Protein backbone atom coordinates (compact mmCIF):
# COMPACT_ATOMS: atom_id res chain seq x y z
CA MET A 1 32.22 -21.91 -7.30
CA SER A 2 29.82 -22.01 -5.10
CA ARG A 3 30.01 -21.91 -1.00
CA SER A 4 28.75 -25.20 0.75
CA LYS A 5 26.03 -24.91 2.99
CA ASN A 6 27.23 -24.80 6.72
CA PRO A 7 26.80 -28.12 8.48
CA LEU A 8 24.82 -26.49 11.47
CA ILE A 9 21.95 -25.18 8.96
CA ASP A 10 21.74 -28.84 7.59
CA LEU A 11 21.03 -30.07 11.19
CA ALA A 12 18.71 -27.11 11.92
CA GLU A 13 16.76 -27.46 8.78
CA LYS A 14 16.02 -31.36 9.60
CA GLU A 15 14.31 -30.47 13.06
CA GLU A 16 12.97 -26.84 12.09
CA GLU A 17 9.80 -27.99 13.51
CA LYS A 18 11.42 -28.09 17.28
CA PHE A 19 12.64 -24.65 16.84
CA TYR A 20 9.00 -23.22 16.53
CA TYR A 21 7.90 -25.29 19.48
CA LEU A 22 10.52 -23.91 21.62
CA PHE A 23 8.52 -20.58 21.62
CA GLY A 24 5.34 -21.80 21.29
CA GLU A 25 4.72 -21.62 17.62
CA ASN A 26 3.69 -24.18 14.92
CA GLU A 27 4.87 -22.61 11.74
CA GLY A 28 6.38 -19.25 10.68
CA LYS A 29 9.96 -18.80 9.13
CA LEU A 30 13.65 -19.33 10.67
CA ILE A 31 16.67 -16.96 9.66
CA TYR A 32 19.89 -18.30 10.05
CA GLU A 33 23.12 -16.29 10.72
CA VAL A 34 26.59 -17.98 11.06
CA ARG A 35 28.45 -16.15 13.98
CA GLU A 36 31.89 -16.52 15.38
CA ALA A 37 32.12 -18.39 18.56
CA GLN A 38 35.13 -18.63 21.13
CA LYS A 39 36.24 -21.85 19.49
CA GLY A 40 34.70 -22.10 16.02
CA GLU A 41 31.29 -21.08 14.86
CA PHE A 42 27.70 -21.61 16.20
CA LEU A 43 24.44 -20.66 14.27
CA GLU A 44 22.04 -17.86 15.64
CA ILE A 45 18.40 -18.70 14.65
CA LYS A 46 15.82 -16.16 14.55
CA VAL A 47 12.26 -17.48 14.93
CA LEU A 48 9.46 -15.72 13.18
CA ASN A 49 5.85 -16.51 13.77
CA ILE A 50 3.25 -16.90 11.07
CA GLU A 51 2.66 -12.90 11.22
CA ALA A 52 6.32 -12.57 10.78
CA LYS A 53 6.99 -11.22 14.44
CA LEU A 54 10.12 -12.09 16.07
CA ALA A 55 9.09 -14.94 18.58
CA GLY A 56 12.48 -15.84 19.85
CA ILE A 57 16.36 -16.69 19.18
CA VAL A 58 18.08 -19.86 19.55
CA TRP A 59 22.04 -20.00 19.57
CA PHE A 60 22.72 -23.35 18.24
CA PHE A 61 26.28 -24.69 18.70
CA GLY A 62 25.44 -28.34 17.58
CA PRO A 63 28.08 -30.84 18.89
CA GLN A 64 30.16 -28.22 20.17
CA ARG A 65 30.42 -26.51 23.90
CA ALA A 66 29.48 -23.18 24.56
CA TYR A 67 32.20 -21.18 26.60
CA ILE A 68 31.63 -18.63 29.35
CA GLU A 69 32.66 -15.77 26.91
CA ASP A 70 29.99 -16.95 24.50
CA ILE A 71 27.38 -17.10 27.34
CA ARG A 72 28.21 -13.48 28.18
CA GLU A 73 27.59 -12.29 24.79
CA MET A 74 24.32 -14.02 24.61
CA VAL A 75 23.02 -12.52 28.20
CA LEU A 76 24.06 -9.29 26.60
CA ARG A 77 22.14 -9.79 23.68
CA SER A 78 19.14 -11.20 25.46
CA GLU A 79 19.00 -7.65 27.35
CA ASN A 80 19.32 -5.83 24.18
CA GLN A 81 16.79 -7.96 21.96
CA LYS A 82 14.17 -8.37 25.07
CA VAL A 83 12.81 -11.58 23.44
CA PRO A 84 12.91 -15.10 24.69
CA MET A 85 16.14 -17.11 23.83
CA ALA A 86 17.44 -20.47 24.08
CA LEU A 87 21.15 -22.35 24.06
CA ILE A 88 21.60 -25.80 22.24
CA ALA A 89 24.81 -27.19 22.59
CA ALA A 90 25.61 -30.75 22.55
CA GLU A 91 28.52 -30.49 25.07
CA GLY A 92 26.64 -28.12 27.31
CA THR A 93 28.34 -25.10 28.98
CA THR A 94 30.30 -24.44 32.22
CA SER A 95 28.74 -24.35 35.55
CA GLN A 96 29.43 -20.63 35.66
CA GLY A 97 27.81 -20.08 32.20
CA LYS A 98 24.58 -22.28 33.51
CA LYS A 99 24.38 -19.95 36.24
CA GLU A 100 24.50 -16.80 34.34
CA LEU A 101 21.80 -18.14 31.66
CA LYS A 102 19.65 -19.28 34.43
CA SER A 103 19.66 -15.76 35.97
CA ARG A 104 18.39 -14.52 32.62
CA GLY A 105 15.72 -17.17 32.22
CA ILE A 106 17.71 -18.42 29.33
CA ASP A 107 16.98 -22.09 28.63
CA VAL A 108 19.79 -24.39 28.15
CA LEU A 109 19.29 -27.81 25.98
CA LYS A 110 22.02 -30.21 25.11
CA ASP A 111 20.54 -32.03 21.74
CA LEU A 112 17.35 -31.47 19.33
CA GLU A 113 16.60 -34.98 19.67
CA ASN A 114 15.65 -34.50 23.54
CA ILE A 115 13.00 -32.04 22.57
CA GLU A 116 9.52 -33.80 22.22
CA LEU A 117 7.15 -32.18 20.09
CA LYS A 118 4.27 -32.77 22.51
CA GLU A 119 1.69 -31.07 20.73
CA LYS A 120 1.59 -34.01 17.97
CA THR A 121 0.75 -36.51 20.68
CA SER A 122 -1.31 -34.49 22.88
CA PRO A 123 -4.05 -32.58 21.00
CA LYS A 124 -5.53 -31.18 24.26
CA LYS A 125 -2.28 -29.69 24.89
CA LYS A 126 -2.23 -28.05 21.43
CA LYS A 127 -5.57 -26.60 21.82
CA GLU A 128 -4.87 -24.85 25.01
CA VAL A 129 -1.75 -23.43 23.69
CA VAL A 130 -3.44 -22.07 20.53
CA GLU A 131 -6.48 -20.65 22.29
CA THR A 132 -4.65 -18.62 24.79
CA LYS A 133 -2.29 -17.24 22.19
CA GLU A 134 -2.80 -13.98 20.79
CA VAL A 135 -1.60 -12.84 17.41
CA GLU A 136 -1.31 -9.21 16.17
CA ILE A 137 -2.68 -8.95 12.85
CA GLY A 138 -2.67 -5.07 12.52
CA GLU A 139 -0.61 -2.08 14.19
CA ASP A 140 -1.13 1.63 13.97
CA ILE A 141 -4.11 1.47 11.49
CA SER A 142 -6.44 4.00 11.05
CA LEU A 143 -10.37 3.93 11.41
CA SER A 144 -10.99 3.78 7.98
CA LYS A 145 -8.63 0.74 7.33
CA LEU A 146 -10.52 -1.45 9.67
CA PRO A 147 -11.86 -4.78 7.74
CA ASP A 148 -15.25 -4.66 6.13
CA ASN A 149 -17.79 -6.84 7.41
CA ALA A 150 -20.94 -6.45 9.55
CA LEU A 151 -19.28 -7.12 12.99
CA MET A 152 -16.29 -4.66 12.17
CA ARG A 153 -18.96 -1.97 10.94
CA VAL A 154 -20.77 -1.84 14.36
CA ALA A 155 -17.22 -1.80 16.10
CA LYS A 156 -16.26 1.16 13.62
CA ARG A 157 -19.58 3.23 14.53
CA LEU A 158 -18.86 2.88 18.43
CA LEU A 159 -15.27 3.77 17.70
CA GLN A 160 -16.09 6.97 15.62
CA ARG A 161 -17.67 8.36 18.72
CA ARG A 162 -13.96 8.00 20.70
CA GLU A 163 -12.15 9.66 17.70
CA PRO A 164 -9.13 7.55 17.82
CA ASP A 165 -5.59 8.26 16.53
CA VAL A 166 -4.55 4.63 16.34
CA ILE A 167 -6.12 1.39 16.08
CA ASN A 168 -4.50 -1.98 16.93
CA LEU A 169 -6.18 -5.31 16.12
CA LYS A 170 -5.21 -8.83 17.76
CA GLN A 171 -6.59 -12.14 16.75
CA ILE A 172 -7.87 -14.30 19.62
CA GLY A 173 -7.33 -18.22 19.41
CA LYS A 174 -7.32 -19.80 16.18
CA LYS A 175 -7.81 -18.05 12.77
CA SER A 176 -10.88 -20.16 11.88
CA GLU A 177 -12.83 -18.88 14.81
CA ASN A 178 -12.72 -15.48 13.59
CA THR A 179 -12.39 -13.50 17.15
CA ILE A 180 -10.67 -10.07 16.76
CA GLU A 181 -9.81 -7.66 19.74
CA ILE A 182 -9.93 -4.13 18.72
CA ARG A 183 -8.34 -1.28 20.74
CA ALA A 184 -8.50 2.16 20.30
CA PHE A 185 -5.74 4.87 21.25
CA SER A 186 -5.48 8.19 21.42
CA SER A 187 -2.16 9.92 19.85
CA ASP A 188 -0.59 9.84 23.44
CA LYS A 189 -1.21 6.10 23.50
CA GLN A 190 -4.11 6.32 26.13
CA LEU A 191 -6.53 3.52 25.56
CA LEU A 192 -10.02 5.04 24.74
CA ALA A 193 -12.13 1.70 24.08
CA LEU A 194 -11.86 -1.96 23.92
CA TYR A 195 -14.24 -4.25 21.69
CA ARG A 196 -13.89 -7.99 20.64
CA THR A 197 -15.88 -9.36 17.61
CA ILE A 198 -17.08 -13.00 17.53
CA ASP A 199 -17.86 -14.35 14.41
CA LYS A 200 -20.11 -17.38 15.38
CA ASP A 201 -23.46 -18.74 15.04
CA SER A 202 -23.40 -19.12 19.01
CA ILE A 203 -21.78 -17.75 21.82
CA GLY A 204 -22.23 -19.68 25.27
CA ILE A 205 -21.62 -18.30 28.41
CA SER A 206 -18.16 -19.57 28.69
CA ILE A 207 -16.81 -17.37 25.94
CA VAL A 208 -18.33 -14.44 27.64
CA ARG A 209 -16.82 -15.25 31.00
CA LYS A 210 -13.38 -15.87 29.10
CA PHE A 211 -13.84 -12.22 27.77
CA ILE A 212 -14.74 -10.72 31.09
CA GLU A 213 -11.61 -12.41 33.00
CA SER A 214 -9.18 -11.20 30.48
CA VAL A 215 -10.55 -7.51 31.04
CA GLN A 216 -10.46 -8.22 34.66
CA GLU A 217 -6.84 -8.95 34.68
CA GLU A 218 -6.19 -5.71 32.88
CA LYS A 219 -8.10 -3.67 35.46
CA LEU A 220 -9.33 -1.28 33.37
CA GLU A 221 -11.84 1.65 34.64
CA GLY A 222 -13.82 4.06 32.99
CA ILE A 223 -12.92 2.48 29.38
CA PRO A 224 -15.95 1.62 27.22
CA ILE A 225 -15.76 -2.30 26.59
CA ALA A 226 -18.03 -4.41 24.48
CA LEU A 227 -18.54 -7.99 23.19
CA ILE A 228 -19.81 -7.89 19.54
CA GLY A 229 -21.62 -10.95 18.20
CA LYS A 230 -24.15 -12.10 15.28
CA VAL A 231 -26.79 -13.72 17.62
CA LYS A 232 -28.71 -12.74 20.60
CA PHE A 233 -26.94 -13.20 23.97
CA THR A 234 -29.11 -15.09 26.91
CA ALA A 235 -30.66 -13.13 29.73
CA ASN A 236 -28.02 -14.64 32.12
CA THR A 237 -25.18 -13.86 30.13
CA LYS A 238 -26.36 -10.22 29.72
CA LYS A 239 -26.66 -10.05 33.47
CA GLU A 240 -23.19 -11.31 34.13
CA ALA A 241 -21.72 -8.87 31.59
CA GLU A 242 -23.51 -5.91 33.24
CA GLU A 243 -22.19 -6.56 36.56
CA TYR A 244 -18.55 -6.04 35.29
CA GLY A 245 -19.47 -3.03 33.12
CA ILE A 246 -19.37 -4.84 29.55
CA ASN A 247 -21.88 -4.34 26.98
CA LEU A 248 -22.91 -7.21 24.92
CA ILE A 249 -23.97 -6.07 21.52
CA SER A 250 -25.80 -8.41 18.91
CA LEU A 251 -26.43 -7.78 15.00
CA GLU A 252 -29.69 -9.84 15.49
CA GLU A 253 -30.82 -7.53 18.27
CA GLU A 254 -29.72 -4.52 16.37
CA ASN A 255 -31.68 -5.78 13.26
CA ASP A 256 -34.87 -6.20 15.38
CA SER A 257 -34.68 -2.77 17.18
CA LYS A 258 -34.74 -0.86 13.85
CA GLY A 259 -38.47 -1.36 13.65
CA ASP A 260 -38.78 0.30 17.20
CA ILE A 261 -41.77 2.67 17.04
CA GLU A 262 -40.06 5.71 18.57
CA GLN A 263 -37.09 5.76 16.75
CA LEU A 264 -39.33 5.31 13.32
CA LYS A 265 -41.31 8.28 14.49
CA LEU A 266 -37.94 10.39 14.90
CA ASN A 267 -36.26 9.37 11.88
CA LYS A 268 -39.52 10.26 9.90
CA ARG A 269 -39.61 13.64 11.54
CA LEU A 270 -36.03 14.21 10.51
CA ARG A 271 -36.48 13.17 7.18
CA GLU A 272 -39.51 15.33 6.42
CA GLY A 273 -37.64 18.42 7.84
CA ALA A 274 -34.42 17.56 5.58
CA ILE A 275 -36.85 17.46 2.30
CA GLU A 276 -38.18 20.70 3.31
CA ILE A 277 -34.69 22.12 3.89
CA ILE A 278 -33.61 20.77 0.41
CA GLU A 279 -36.86 22.39 -1.33
CA GLN A 280 -35.85 25.53 0.39
CA ARG A 281 -32.48 25.58 -1.62
CA GLY A 282 -34.15 24.86 -4.84
CA PHE A 283 -33.44 21.07 -4.97
CA SER A 284 -36.03 18.55 -5.88
CA LEU A 285 -35.56 14.93 -4.04
CA LEU A 286 -34.74 12.19 -6.58
CA ASP A 287 -37.08 9.28 -6.52
CA LYS A 288 -34.79 6.75 -8.60
CA LYS A 289 -31.67 6.09 -6.90
CA ASP A 290 -28.62 6.08 -9.36
CA ASP A 291 -26.32 3.09 -9.30
CA LYS A 292 -23.71 4.98 -7.93
CA PHE A 293 -25.56 5.72 -4.61
CA SER A 294 -26.31 1.90 -4.17
CA LYS A 295 -23.67 1.29 -1.60
CA LEU A 296 -24.81 4.27 0.55
CA PHE A 297 -28.52 3.19 0.44
CA ASP A 298 -27.86 -0.77 0.90
CA GLY A 299 -26.03 0.16 3.91
CA SER A 300 -22.82 -1.29 2.81
CA ASP A 301 -21.18 1.99 3.03
CA SER A 302 -23.59 3.95 5.38
CA LEU A 303 -23.07 6.49 7.95
CA GLY A 304 -26.62 6.84 8.64
CA THR A 305 -30.06 8.00 6.45
CA TYR A 306 -29.15 9.65 2.95
CA LEU A 307 -31.21 11.53 0.55
CA ILE A 308 -30.22 12.66 -2.65
CA ALA A 309 -31.57 15.96 -4.28
CA GLU A 310 -31.01 17.62 -7.79
CA ASN A 311 -31.68 21.42 -8.80
CA GLN A 312 -32.52 22.57 -12.19
CA VAL A 313 -28.95 22.83 -13.11
CA LYS A 314 -28.23 19.43 -12.41
CA ASP A 315 -26.07 20.12 -9.49
CA THR A 316 -26.50 17.04 -6.98
CA LEU A 317 -27.05 17.61 -3.17
CA LEU A 318 -26.09 14.65 -0.69
CA VAL A 319 -27.78 14.85 2.64
CA LEU A 320 -26.67 12.52 5.57
CA LEU A 321 -28.81 12.17 8.88
CA PRO A 322 -26.13 10.51 10.72
CA SER A 323 -26.99 7.43 13.05
CA GLU A 324 -25.02 8.90 15.82
CA ASP A 325 -26.47 11.44 18.49
CA VAL A 326 -23.34 13.53 18.50
CA VAL A 327 -21.65 14.24 15.24
CA ARG A 328 -17.46 13.61 15.41
CA VAL A 329 -15.03 14.51 13.02
CA ALA A 330 -14.59 10.86 11.78
CA THR A 331 -18.13 11.03 10.29
CA VAL A 332 -17.28 14.10 8.85
CA ARG A 333 -14.17 13.18 7.19
CA GLU A 334 -15.75 10.20 5.84
CA PHE A 335 -18.91 12.21 4.72
CA LYS A 336 -16.31 14.43 2.82
CA GLU A 337 -14.61 11.13 0.99
CA GLN A 338 -17.88 10.17 0.10
CA ILE A 339 -18.86 13.31 -1.42
CA ASP A 340 -15.67 13.40 -3.36
CA ALA A 341 -15.85 9.79 -4.51
CA LEU A 342 -19.39 10.35 -5.83
CA GLU A 343 -18.68 13.60 -7.44
CA VAL A 344 -21.40 15.42 -5.42
CA ASN A 345 -21.65 19.38 -5.63
CA GLU A 346 -22.91 19.97 -2.30
CA GLY A 347 -23.17 18.13 0.89
CA MET A 348 -25.35 18.55 4.30
CA LEU A 349 -25.24 17.09 7.56
CA ILE A 350 -28.08 17.30 9.93
CA ALA A 351 -27.25 16.21 13.68
CA LEU A 352 -29.75 14.88 16.16
CA LYS A 353 -28.05 16.73 18.82
CA ARG A 354 -24.84 18.46 18.12
CA PHE A 355 -21.61 18.69 16.51
CA THR A 356 -18.15 18.46 18.38
CA TYR A 357 -16.31 21.50 17.97
CA THR A 358 -13.87 20.00 15.52
CA ALA A 359 -16.53 18.19 13.77
CA GLU A 360 -18.20 21.44 12.90
CA ARG A 361 -14.98 23.32 12.19
CA GLU A 362 -13.77 20.56 9.63
CA ALA A 363 -17.42 20.72 8.27
CA LYS A 364 -17.20 24.41 7.57
CA ASP A 365 -13.62 23.83 5.83
CA PHE A 366 -14.78 21.18 3.32
CA GLY A 367 -17.78 23.50 2.65
CA ILE A 368 -20.21 21.01 4.10
CA ALA A 369 -23.70 22.54 5.50
CA ALA A 370 -23.76 21.54 9.23
CA LEU A 371 -27.35 21.94 10.68
CA LYS A 372 -27.19 21.31 14.42
CA LYS A 373 -29.86 21.25 17.16
CA ASN A 374 -30.64 24.75 17.29
CA HIS A 375 -31.58 25.14 13.47
CA PRO A 376 -35.26 24.09 12.80
CA VAL A 377 -35.53 21.26 10.80
CA PHE A 378 -38.47 22.41 8.84
CA ASN A 379 -39.13 25.20 6.36
CA ILE A 380 -38.65 28.38 8.39
CA PHE A 381 -39.96 30.63 5.81
CA SER A 382 -43.38 29.05 6.00
CA HIS A 383 -43.76 30.84 9.30
CA TYR A 384 -45.45 34.41 9.13
CA LEU A 385 -42.92 36.19 11.04
CA VAL A 386 -39.75 34.85 8.99
CA PRO A 387 -39.39 36.96 5.98
CA GLU A 388 -37.99 35.33 2.91
CA HIS A 389 -34.22 35.35 2.01
CA GLU A 390 -32.32 35.37 -1.14
CA VAL A 391 -28.61 34.96 -1.85
CA MET A 392 -27.93 37.73 -4.63
CA ASP A 393 -25.53 37.04 -7.70
CA LYS A 394 -22.54 39.31 -8.22
CA LEU A 395 -24.36 41.49 -10.85
CA ALA A 396 -27.41 42.13 -8.69
CA VAL A 397 -24.92 43.07 -5.81
CA ASP A 398 -23.05 45.73 -8.17
CA GLU A 399 -26.60 47.14 -9.30
CA MET A 400 -27.58 47.58 -5.64
CA LEU A 401 -24.65 49.14 -4.32
CA ASP A 402 -24.54 51.69 -7.30
CA LYS A 403 -28.31 52.19 -6.77
CA TYR A 404 -27.60 53.22 -3.13
CA ASN A 405 -23.90 54.54 -3.72
CA ALA A 406 -22.55 52.08 -1.09
CA LYS A 407 -19.73 50.18 -0.67
CA LEU A 408 -19.83 46.39 0.29
CA LEU A 409 -18.29 46.59 3.75
CA GLN A 410 -20.89 49.50 4.72
CA LEU A 411 -23.78 46.63 4.60
CA PRO A 412 -25.35 45.63 7.62
CA ARG A 413 -24.10 42.25 8.92
CA ILE A 414 -25.60 38.85 9.48
CA TYR A 415 -23.73 35.99 10.77
CA GLU A 416 -23.42 32.62 8.43
CA ASP A 417 -24.91 30.29 11.15
CA ASP A 418 -28.17 32.39 11.21
CA PRO A 419 -31.16 29.89 10.55
CA GLY A 420 -32.52 32.02 7.54
CA ILE A 421 -28.79 31.94 5.92
CA VAL A 422 -28.21 28.49 6.53
CA ALA A 423 -31.73 27.75 4.86
CA VAL A 424 -30.59 29.42 1.80
CA ASN A 425 -26.78 28.13 1.76
CA GLY A 426 -25.39 31.52 2.30
CA LYS A 427 -21.74 31.74 2.64
CA VAL A 428 -19.16 34.32 4.05
CA GLY A 429 -19.02 37.29 1.67
CA ASP A 430 -22.43 36.79 -0.04
CA VAL A 431 -25.09 39.23 -0.11
CA VAL A 432 -28.64 38.22 1.27
CA ARG A 433 -31.80 40.22 0.25
CA ILE A 434 -34.38 40.21 2.78
CA ILE A 435 -37.76 40.49 1.51
CA ARG A 436 -40.56 41.98 4.02
CA ASP A 437 -43.84 43.47 3.19
CA ASN A 438 -42.66 47.15 3.60
CA GLY A 439 -39.55 46.52 1.33
CA GLU A 440 -36.30 44.91 1.09
CA ASN A 441 -33.13 45.21 3.14
CA PHE A 442 -29.56 43.76 2.54
CA ARG A 443 -27.22 41.84 4.61
CA LEU A 444 -23.46 41.00 4.23
CA VAL A 445 -22.97 37.54 5.61
CA VAL A 446 -19.83 37.22 7.99
CA PRO A 447 -18.25 34.74 10.40
CA ARG A 448 -18.95 34.56 14.13
CA PRO A 449 -15.67 35.94 15.80
CA GLU A 450 -15.75 32.79 17.91
CA GLY A 451 -15.29 30.66 15.11
CA GLY A 452 -11.71 31.63 14.80
CA ARG A 453 -12.24 33.80 11.55
CA THR A 454 -12.25 37.66 11.82
CA GLU A 455 -14.34 39.56 9.63
CA ASN A 456 -11.49 41.28 8.05
CA THR A 457 -9.74 38.47 7.18
CA ALA A 458 -12.74 36.56 5.67
CA LEU A 459 -14.15 39.58 3.62
CA VAL A 460 -10.76 41.21 2.31
CA LYS A 461 -9.86 38.65 -0.32
CA MET A 462 -13.52 38.74 -1.70
CA THR A 463 -13.61 42.73 -1.68
CA ASP A 464 -10.31 42.96 -3.81
CA GLN A 465 -11.75 40.20 -6.10
CA ARG A 466 -14.95 42.29 -6.59
CA MET A 467 -12.79 45.64 -7.18
CA LYS A 468 -10.54 43.93 -9.86
CA ARG A 469 -13.74 42.39 -11.50
CA LEU A 470 -15.18 45.94 -11.72
CA LYS A 471 -12.02 47.23 -13.09
CA ASN A 472 -11.79 45.18 -15.73
CA ASP A 473 -15.47 45.34 -16.75
CA LYS A 474 -14.85 49.01 -16.92
CA GLU A 475 -11.74 48.75 -19.08
CA LYS A 476 -13.65 46.34 -21.37
CA ASP A 477 -16.58 48.80 -21.84
CA GLU A 478 -13.97 51.52 -22.81
CA LYS A 479 -12.37 49.14 -25.41
CA ASP A 480 -15.63 48.35 -26.82
CA GLU A 481 -16.62 51.89 -27.34
CA ILE A 482 -13.28 52.80 -29.07
């Protein structure tokens, strides 16, 4: 036999809009729980907003009276929940109960019929409530999980420079207005940046002033703040925002600035230098862009300027000239994801200025060549003072060591970040032949001590592998003779 529905639930379901209205909501979900009161039962109603967040709690006694013992339990619950609460009891409560509820800011109502849905008869009031409401649409998400649209891509590029650990998104106003606030935090919850994107065809000064007011209320100092829109901002709007340290970024203006002469010259110089480096390594630039790289080149998945090259054995090299001056770890990680997704054999990053310490370290860990400011972005071997460098294969190294009756660790050293080594893509443990007019020299590539790896730990494994290989070759030769 099925259990009949509680009569209090029947009453609540008929007037559910009023429960939302108590906490400034228009829709969402109600969760009912029947609880024991001092003299009978009451209904605890949890009011969830449209984003399934707890907006408030109602203790609904219906036609009954709420006694002081019930009130004190409600006060205790309000302290634990820390959300708005309301009590509805047709017969009210005791004077002491009213006093205790008032001290906690809990509203007391006698009947649902006394709640007038003002937003239905006053559109102006409804508009004011909705526009000032902020609804969380994302918590504790990573940079890579940001929505993919033109405005968010601008915000993402700005955020990459801050290297945030956590991103919070909030919807401002109605959903149809598409205004999103983005806050970036460090691992210890320190605010790193605050941006707001507005997806509108026109942005008036009133919108900008409203943003300025909200920022002023929080008294944020030393935090990058920007408003990102599709269209250009007026001169007066820019001037007012500048007074309060707020940047106004327009997609329309950014597109216009891409044709800036100085920027074009810089991009051209870097691109030409990158092509020379590609050719140094035995790769040729691909004129025809493969379909699988289309997202990179059409800008929908772009971190900057890309070049694709291929060598004679069909290995592919993906080169990125990042759009940011200082390359940060977020860019390196995303570039690594692109390399893996596109199944590229090698990756190279060429920074306009420099890499952060973490970004450079991770690039090395990922096997990505990271060329920074002090590396010449041209074919260094075209200079008459720079001799040719060549990475030797394992067989050539064995023959050279046998010829000179030497051991690998007896060779002179050269650091892995030497421009000549970087140019030929030399790795730790490689032997490089340096060809001069008066003969040839050999160098063993080693890491810089300040890089966190010692020479021994970096080379011992490679040396052991070489000794095992030589032993296996010897045993194979002896077996063939038998």
